[in-house]
Amino acid sequence: MGQIELNKVKKAVESGRVANTYLLIGPPDSDVLGGGFELIKSILKSPLFEQEIPQQHASLEKLKTLTYPDIHYFYPVNTTGEVRTKANSSDFIVKWREVVANNTKVTLNDWCQKIGLGNKQASINKEEAEKISKLASLKSYEGSVKIFLIWMAEKMNINASNKLLKLLEEPPQKTVFILICENEKKLIQTITSRCQKIYFGHQPLDNQEFNVDYELLFLEWVRAAFKVKGNKSAINELM
């Protein structure tokens, strides 16, 4: 189902209908991260990028090596034996390229082992969100669109989430944000409500949003159904 949804979005993107923010949701084994890269490929091919075919090919080649200058990657990190203070995503970009080049189905545990966190918890902090905001406000290197891919977005702490939210409320022109997470319920709702969502793989019940209004309406319907059982005149209420 995720690939079908993704293909529809990719088709829209390549025709020029590009959203500001996408949220891809699913477990690592559904290759949700790989889906993120497929979406980026479509964005690079879209009219929004205003690139001729030779430029597109060059951009796609840079994407393969994760060296395209206007695509920025953010992911959970922490201090290690090598990075002792104020760890950020750029400190681990070489390892990120190594991991993703071999396996886009990488889990958070795989990633933490790769960067040597030991028992430490990885997170995306406010400083990272501030860096995203600053990069989004700058002119792109290639003079076109800037893309921000945030992997395991649910690992943003509350300060980072609030900072990113302000950016998503009024995104700069020609910026696209791709958030990737396993569980959308762990993201603040004001962020998820601003995203075009694409679901990958089977979604457990605790990873689904329910509309409270519909839930209350369902409860009212059940009560009305019980009323009809003993009072046929309550059929109008049920209908």
Foldseek 3Di string as FASTA:
>chain_A
DLVVLLVVVLVCLQAPDAAQEAEEAAALVLLSQVSVLVSVLSNLNHCQQVDDPVVSVVQVVCVLQVNNQQEAEFEWDDAAPVRHPDDGDVVCVVLVSVVCNVGSSDDPVNVCVSVHVVPDDTAHEQVNLVVVVVSQPDQGPVRGAHEYEYEQNLRYPPNSLVSNLVCLVPPDPRYHYYYYHHACVSHDVSVVVSHHYRYTDDDDPNRDDDDVVVVVVVVQLVVLVVVCVVPVVSVVVND
